[in-house]
Amino acid sequence: QVQLVESGGGWVQLGGSLTLTCIASGFDFTNHAMNWYRQTPGKERELVAAVATHGHTANYAAVARGRFTISRDNSKNTVYLQMNHLRPDDTAMYYCHVIDGFKDHWGQGIQVTVAS
């Protein structure tokens, strides 16, 4: 079955950086676009960044553009989210996501906390 395992979250101060990692299994990773979402309590989950199958095309939410970079290593079935210039409003649970078999699949989520 599809498994997405996130790591790399944690606590960081204003202006700091973190890199999230998602290791995928159970599906043909090379042929699937991959996404990072985030969610804060009381709000809907929002798309942060998406990367196409080959890794050369990426799209970002306005809040992430210019600060975050999504990338992937198809040889390792891994997708990354490099986050720079972090702000307190980036504090959220971050989720790796893929659509496979017309179904949404999510990782367990990883907490990112940015202190001011």
Protein backbone atom coordinates (compact mmCIF):
# COMPACT_ATOMS: atom_id res chain seq x y z
CA GLN A 1 0.00 0.00 0.00
CA VAL A 2 1.00 3.62 -0.40
CA GLN A 3 3.20 4.91 2.38
CA LEU A 4 4.54 8.42 2.82
CA VAL A 5 6.91 9.05 5.70
CA GLU A 6 7.89 12.60 6.56
CA SER A 7 10.87 13.73 8.56
CA GLY A 8 12.93 16.83 9.18
CA GLY A 9 10.48 19.03 11.02
CA GLY A 10 11.11 20.71 14.33
CA TRP A 11 11.60 24.04 15.99
CA VAL A 12 13.42 26.94 14.41
CA GLN A 13 13.74 30.65 15.04
CA LEU A 14 12.45 33.42 12.81
CA GLY A 15 14.48 33.54 9.62
CA GLY A 16 15.79 30.02 10.00
CA SER A 17 15.66 27.10 7.60
CA LEU A 18 14.41 23.54 7.62
CA THR A 19 14.30 20.79 5.04
CA LEU A 20 11.44 18.33 5.10
CA THR A 21 11.87 14.88 3.59
CA CYS A 22 9.20 12.47 2.43
CA ILE A 23 10.11 8.88 1.56
CA ALA A 24 7.46 7.19 -0.57
CA SER A 25 6.68 3.55 -1.21
CA GLY A 26 3.92 1.33 -2.52
CA PHE A 27 3.39 3.05 -5.84
CA ASP A 28 5.26 4.05 -8.99
CA PHE A 29 6.92 7.16 -7.58
CA THR A 30 8.54 8.19 -10.85
CA ASN A 31 5.18 8.60 -12.56
CA HIS A 32 3.42 10.66 -9.90
CA ALA A 33 3.46 14.34 -9.12
CA MET A 34 4.15 14.95 -5.44
CA ASN A 35 2.84 17.64 -3.14
CA TRP A 36 3.46 19.24 0.22
CA TYR A 37 0.51 20.59 2.19
CA ARG A 38 0.27 22.24 5.57
CA GLN A 39 -2.43 22.73 8.16
CA THR A 40 -2.90 24.78 11.31
CA PRO A 41 -5.61 24.14 13.91
CA GLY A 42 -8.99 25.36 12.80
CA LYS A 43 -7.94 25.87 9.20
CA GLU A 44 -8.19 23.77 6.09
CA ARG A 45 -5.19 21.97 4.75
CA GLU A 46 -3.51 24.12 2.11
CA LEU A 47 -1.24 23.22 -0.78
CA VAL A 48 2.24 24.64 -0.30
CA ALA A 49 4.18 23.23 -3.24
CA ALA A 50 3.91 20.64 -5.99
CA VAL A 51 6.53 19.01 -8.19
CA ALA A 52 5.99 17.22 -11.48
CA THR A 53 7.16 13.69 -12.18
CA HIS A 54 10.49 14.66 -13.72
CA GLY A 55 11.20 17.31 -11.11
CA HIS A 56 11.75 20.15 -13.57
CA THR A 57 8.39 21.81 -13.00
CA ALA A 58 7.22 23.05 -9.64
CA ASN A 59 4.37 25.21 -8.45
CA TYR A 60 4.11 27.14 -5.22
CA ALA A 61 1.48 28.81 -3.12
CA ALA A 62 1.97 32.54 -2.83
CA VAL A 63 3.11 32.15 0.79
CA ALA A 64 5.88 29.79 -0.28
CA ARG A 65 7.10 31.37 -3.49
CA GLY A 66 10.62 32.69 -3.20
CA ARG A 67 11.26 31.05 0.18
CA PHE A 68 10.48 27.36 -0.30
CA THR A 69 11.86 24.92 -2.86
CA ILE A 70 10.34 21.56 -3.63
CA SER A 71 12.50 18.91 -5.26
CA ARG A 72 12.61 15.17 -5.74
CA ASP A 73 15.06 12.35 -6.18
CA ASN A 74 13.38 9.64 -8.20
CA SER A 75 16.25 7.24 -7.54
CA LYS A 76 15.40 7.42 -3.83
CA ASN A 77 11.60 7.74 -4.03
CA THR A 78 12.01 10.91 -2.03
CA VAL A 79 10.57 14.41 -2.20
CA TYR A 80 11.97 17.38 -0.29
CA LEU A 81 10.77 20.76 0.84
CA GLN A 82 13.54 23.22 1.56
CA MET A 83 12.15 26.09 3.61
CA ASN A 84 14.14 29.28 4.09
CA HIS A 85 13.41 32.59 5.78
CA LEU A 86 10.84 30.91 7.97
CA ARG A 87 8.26 33.01 9.75
CA PRO A 88 5.97 32.31 12.71
CA ASP A 89 3.02 32.01 10.34
CA ASP A 90 4.76 29.05 8.71
CA THR A 91 4.12 27.13 11.93
CA ALA A 92 1.95 24.18 10.94
CA MET A 93 1.74 20.47 10.47
CA TYR A 94 3.23 19.65 7.08
CA TYR A 95 2.01 16.70 5.03
CA CYS A 96 3.39 14.85 2.05
CA HIS A 97 0.66 13.97 -0.46
CA VAL A 98 0.13 11.97 -3.61
CA ILE A 99 -2.87 10.97 -5.67
CA ASP A 100 -2.68 7.33 -6.69
CA GLY A 101 -5.52 5.20 -7.99
CA PHE A 102 -7.76 8.29 -7.88
CA LYS A 103 -7.31 8.43 -4.13
CA ASP A 104 -5.57 10.93 -1.90
CA HIS A 105 -2.76 9.52 0.19
CA TRP A 106 -1.19 11.42 3.07
CA GLY A 107 1.78 11.03 5.28
CA GLN A 108 1.38 11.16 9.04
CA GLY A 109 2.43 14.79 9.09
CA ILE A 110 5.38 16.55 10.68
CA GLN A 111 5.29 19.59 12.90
CA VAL A 112 7.18 22.75 12.02
CA THR A 113 7.30 25.46 14.66
CA VAL A 114 8.83 28.87 14.00
CA ALA A 115 9.51 31.03 17.04
CA SER A 116 9.57 34.80 16.81
